[in-house]
């Protein structure tokens, strides 16, 4: 199980298509472009759109609170189970 935190404040539980790990293409689709991992000390992967600021994506207040730094656009939170394939 992973979590998609949308910039509009909604959250959605998501699963990889193959049931075990997300593909790069799946993550691209979820964040709307190339991906970037947000560096944190937390034991999860936080994936955002690499060009979010350049594209003028809206601020994601919930995601910003979770990672402790400014996030724009949608963010995917991955635990160890479904990390990138």
N, C-alpha and C. Protein backbone atom coordinates (compact mmCIF):
# COMPACT_ATOMS: atom_id res chain seq x y z
N UNK A 1 0.84 -1.18 0.00
CA UNK A 1 0.00 0.00 0.00
C UNK A 1 0.88 1.24 0.00
N UNK A 2 0.51 2.21 -0.78
CA UNK A 2 1.18 3.51 -0.84
C UNK A 2 0.10 4.58 -0.71
N UNK A 3 0.54 5.80 -0.55
CA UNK A 3 -0.41 6.90 -0.38
C UNK A 3 -0.10 8.00 -1.38
N UNK A 4 -1.13 8.46 -2.06
CA UNK A 4 -1.02 9.60 -2.96
C UNK A 4 -1.62 10.80 -2.24
N UNK A 5 -0.77 11.79 -1.95
CA UNK A 5 -1.23 13.03 -1.31
C UNK A 5 -1.34 14.08 -2.39
N UNK A 6 -2.57 14.43 -2.74
CA UNK A 6 -2.79 15.40 -3.81
C UNK A 6 -2.68 16.82 -3.28
N UNK A 7 -2.30 17.72 -4.17
CA UNK A 7 -2.13 19.12 -3.80
C UNK A 7 -3.45 19.75 -3.35
N UNK A 8 -4.57 19.19 -3.77
CA UNK A 8 -5.87 19.74 -3.38
C UNK A 8 -6.28 19.33 -1.97
N UNK A 9 -5.40 18.58 -1.27
CA UNK A 9 -5.67 18.19 0.11
C UNK A 9 -6.26 16.81 0.28
N UNK A 10 -6.62 16.15 -0.80
CA UNK A 10 -7.17 14.81 -0.70
C UNK A 10 -6.05 13.77 -0.68
N UNK A 11 -6.37 12.60 -0.15
CA UNK A 11 -5.43 11.49 -0.09
C UNK A 11 -6.10 10.25 -0.66
N UNK A 12 -5.28 9.40 -1.28
CA UNK A 12 -5.81 8.19 -1.89
C UNK A 12 -4.81 7.06 -1.69
N UNK A 13 -5.31 5.92 -1.20
CA UNK A 13 -4.47 4.73 -1.09
C UNK A 13 -4.31 4.15 -2.49
N UNK A 14 -3.07 3.82 -2.86
CA UNK A 14 -2.80 3.31 -4.20
C UNK A 14 -1.97 2.03 -4.10
N UNK A 15 -2.03 1.24 -5.16
CA UNK A 15 -1.30 -0.02 -5.23
C UNK A 15 -0.62 -0.13 -6.59
N UNK A 16 0.55 -0.76 -6.64
CA UNK A 16 1.21 -0.96 -7.94
C UNK A 16 0.38 -1.90 -8.81
N UNK A 17 0.46 -1.73 -10.11
CA UNK A 17 -0.32 -2.57 -11.03
C UNK A 17 -0.01 -4.05 -10.86
N UNK A 18 1.28 -4.37 -10.65
CA UNK A 18 1.63 -5.79 -10.53
C UNK A 18 1.47 -6.31 -9.10
N UNK A 19 1.05 -5.45 -8.18
CA UNK A 19 0.80 -5.86 -6.82
C UNK A 19 2.02 -5.86 -5.90
N UNK A 20 3.22 -5.60 -6.46
CA UNK A 20 4.40 -5.65 -5.59
C UNK A 20 5.25 -4.39 -5.62
N UNK A 21 5.54 -3.84 -6.81
CA UNK A 21 6.41 -2.66 -6.88
C UNK A 21 5.96 -1.75 -8.02
N UNK A 22 6.07 -0.44 -7.78
CA UNK A 22 5.71 0.54 -8.80
C UNK A 22 6.76 0.59 -9.90
N UNK A 23 6.31 0.77 -11.13
CA UNK A 23 7.24 1.01 -12.23
C UNK A 23 7.48 2.51 -12.32
N UNK A 24 8.54 2.86 -13.02
CA UNK A 24 8.84 4.27 -13.24
C UNK A 24 7.68 4.96 -13.96
N UNK A 25 7.10 4.29 -14.93
CA UNK A 25 5.99 4.86 -15.68
C UNK A 25 4.78 5.13 -14.79
N UNK A 26 4.51 4.22 -13.86
CA UNK A 26 3.39 4.43 -12.93
C UNK A 26 3.63 5.68 -12.08
N UNK A 27 4.84 5.83 -11.57
CA UNK A 27 5.14 7.01 -10.75
C UNK A 27 5.10 8.29 -11.57
N UNK A 28 5.56 8.24 -12.81
CA UNK A 28 5.46 9.42 -13.69
C UNK A 28 4.00 9.85 -13.81
N UNK A 29 3.13 8.87 -14.05
CA UNK A 29 1.71 9.17 -14.22
C UNK A 29 1.12 9.75 -12.94
N UNK A 30 1.48 9.21 -11.80
CA UNK A 30 0.91 9.65 -10.53
C UNK A 30 1.29 11.09 -10.17
N UNK A 31 2.52 11.50 -10.47
CA UNK A 31 2.95 12.86 -10.13
C UNK A 31 2.92 13.81 -11.31
N UNK A 32 2.59 13.31 -12.48
CA UNK A 32 2.43 14.17 -13.65
C UNK A 32 3.72 14.57 -14.34
N UNK A 33 4.75 13.74 -14.28
CA UNK A 33 6.01 14.05 -14.96
C UNK A 33 7.16 13.28 -14.38
N UNK A 34 8.37 13.75 -14.70
CA UNK A 34 9.58 13.12 -14.17
C UNK A 34 9.54 13.13 -12.65
N UNK A 35 10.13 12.11 -12.04
CA UNK A 35 10.06 12.00 -10.58
C UNK A 35 11.34 12.45 -9.90
N UNK A 36 11.17 12.84 -8.66
CA UNK A 36 12.29 13.21 -7.80
C UNK A 36 11.96 12.71 -6.40
N UNK A 37 12.95 12.15 -5.72
CA UNK A 37 12.78 11.71 -4.34
C UNK A 37 13.10 12.87 -3.42
N UNK A 38 12.20 13.15 -2.48
CA UNK A 38 12.42 14.21 -1.50
C UNK A 38 13.29 13.65 -0.39
N UNK A 39 14.47 14.23 -0.16
CA UNK A 39 15.35 13.69 0.89
C UNK A 39 14.82 14.02 2.29
N UNK A 40 14.67 12.98 3.10
CA UNK A 40 14.25 13.15 4.50
C UNK A 40 14.97 12.10 5.33
N UNK A 41 14.81 12.20 6.63
CA UNK A 41 15.37 11.21 7.55
C UNK A 41 14.37 10.08 7.83
N UNK A 42 13.19 10.18 7.25
CA UNK A 42 12.13 9.19 7.49
C UNK A 42 12.36 7.93 6.66
N UNK A 43 11.95 6.77 7.16
CA UNK A 43 12.18 5.49 6.47
C UNK A 43 11.17 5.18 5.37
N UNK A 44 10.84 6.17 4.58
CA UNK A 44 9.90 6.03 3.46
C UNK A 44 10.45 6.82 2.29
N UNK A 45 9.95 6.52 1.10
CA UNK A 45 10.33 7.31 -0.08
C UNK A 45 9.19 8.27 -0.40
N UNK A 46 9.54 9.54 -0.58
CA UNK A 46 8.58 10.57 -0.91
C UNK A 46 8.89 11.02 -2.33
N UNK A 47 7.95 10.78 -3.24
CA UNK A 47 8.18 11.02 -4.66
C UNK A 47 7.31 12.20 -5.13
N UNK A 48 7.94 13.16 -5.80
CA UNK A 48 7.24 14.33 -6.33
C UNK A 48 7.64 14.55 -7.79
N UNK A 49 6.98 15.51 -8.42
CA UNK A 49 7.32 15.89 -9.79
C UNK A 49 8.60 16.73 -9.75
N UNK A 50 9.61 16.27 -10.45
CA UNK A 50 10.91 16.93 -10.47
C UNK A 50 10.83 18.38 -10.96
N UNK A 51 9.91 18.65 -11.87
CA UNK A 51 9.78 19.99 -12.46
C UNK A 51 8.59 20.75 -11.91
N UNK A 52 8.10 20.34 -10.74
CA UNK A 52 6.90 20.93 -10.17
C UNK A 52 6.95 22.44 -10.02
N UNK A 53 8.06 22.95 -9.54
CA UNK A 53 8.18 24.41 -9.37
C UNK A 53 8.25 25.12 -10.71
N UNK A 54 9.00 24.54 -11.65
CA UNK A 54 9.10 25.14 -12.99
C UNK A 54 7.74 25.17 -13.69
N UNK A 55 6.93 24.15 -13.45
CA UNK A 55 5.61 24.06 -14.07
C UNK A 55 4.55 24.87 -13.32
N UNK A 56 4.93 25.43 -12.17
CA UNK A 56 3.99 26.23 -11.40
C UNK A 56 2.91 25.41 -10.72
N UNK A 57 3.25 24.17 -10.32
CA UNK A 57 2.26 23.34 -9.64
C UNK A 57 1.88 23.96 -8.30
N UNK A 58 0.65 23.73 -7.85
CA UNK A 58 0.19 24.33 -6.60
C UNK A 58 0.90 23.74 -5.38
N UNK A 59 0.98 24.53 -4.33
CA UNK A 59 1.56 24.08 -3.07
C UNK A 59 0.75 22.91 -2.51
N UNK A 60 1.44 21.97 -1.90
CA UNK A 60 0.80 20.82 -1.26
C UNK A 60 1.06 20.96 0.24
N UNK A 61 0.09 21.55 0.93
CA UNK A 61 0.26 21.86 2.36
C UNK A 61 0.43 20.62 3.22
N UNK A 62 -0.38 19.57 2.97
CA UNK A 62 -0.27 18.35 3.77
C UNK A 62 1.08 17.69 3.58
N UNK A 63 1.53 17.58 2.33
CA UNK A 63 2.82 16.96 2.05
C UNK A 63 3.96 17.77 2.67
N UNK A 64 3.84 19.09 2.63
CA UNK A 64 4.84 19.96 3.23
C UNK A 64 4.95 19.69 4.72
N UNK A 65 3.84 19.49 5.39
CA UNK A 65 3.85 19.21 6.83
C UNK A 65 4.49 17.85 7.12
N UNK A 66 4.27 16.88 6.25
CA UNK A 66 4.82 15.53 6.46
C UNK A 66 6.33 15.51 6.32
N UNK A 67 6.86 16.13 5.26
CA UNK A 67 8.30 16.04 5.01
C UNK A 67 9.11 17.19 5.61
N UNK A 68 8.43 18.24 6.08
CA UNK A 68 9.14 19.34 6.73
C UNK A 68 9.85 20.28 5.77
N UNK A 69 9.45 20.27 4.52
CA UNK A 69 9.98 21.21 3.53
C UNK A 69 8.92 21.45 2.47
N UNK A 70 9.04 22.53 1.75
CA UNK A 70 8.03 22.94 0.79
C UNK A 70 7.87 21.91 -0.34
N UNK A 71 6.62 21.47 -0.56
CA UNK A 71 6.29 20.53 -1.63
C UNK A 71 5.23 21.16 -2.51
N UNK A 72 5.39 20.98 -3.82
CA UNK A 72 4.36 21.42 -4.77
C UNK A 72 3.89 20.22 -5.56
N UNK A 73 2.63 20.25 -5.97
CA UNK A 73 2.06 19.16 -6.74
C UNK A 73 1.75 17.95 -5.87
N UNK A 74 1.38 16.87 -6.54
CA UNK A 74 1.03 15.64 -5.84
C UNK A 74 2.28 14.92 -5.37
N UNK A 75 2.17 14.18 -4.25
CA UNK A 75 3.30 13.43 -3.71
C UNK A 75 2.87 12.00 -3.43
N UNK A 76 3.72 11.04 -3.79
CA UNK A 76 3.49 9.63 -3.50
C UNK A 76 4.40 9.24 -2.34
N UNK A 77 3.83 8.57 -1.35
CA UNK A 77 4.61 8.06 -0.23
C UNK A 77 4.68 6.55 -0.36
N UNK A 78 5.91 6.05 -0.48
CA UNK A 78 6.16 4.62 -0.63
C UNK A 78 6.81 4.08 0.64
N UNK A 79 6.35 2.91 1.08
CA UNK A 79 7.03 2.21 2.16
C UNK A 79 7.98 1.21 1.51
N UNK A 80 8.67 0.45 2.28
CA UNK A 80 9.64 -0.50 1.74
C UNK A 80 9.04 -1.54 0.82
N UNK A 81 7.78 -1.90 1.02
CA UNK A 81 7.17 -3.00 0.28
C UNK A 81 7.00 -2.72 -1.20
N UNK A 82 6.55 -1.53 -1.56
CA UNK A 82 6.18 -1.27 -2.96
C UNK A 82 7.12 -0.29 -3.65
N UNK A 83 8.33 -0.21 -3.19
CA UNK A 83 9.27 0.72 -3.81
C UNK A 83 9.46 0.45 -5.28
N UNK A 84 10.07 1.38 -5.93
CA UNK A 84 10.28 1.34 -7.37
C UNK A 84 10.91 0.04 -7.85
N UNK A 85 10.36 -0.49 -8.91
CA UNK A 85 10.83 -1.73 -9.51
C UNK A 85 12.03 -1.47 -10.39
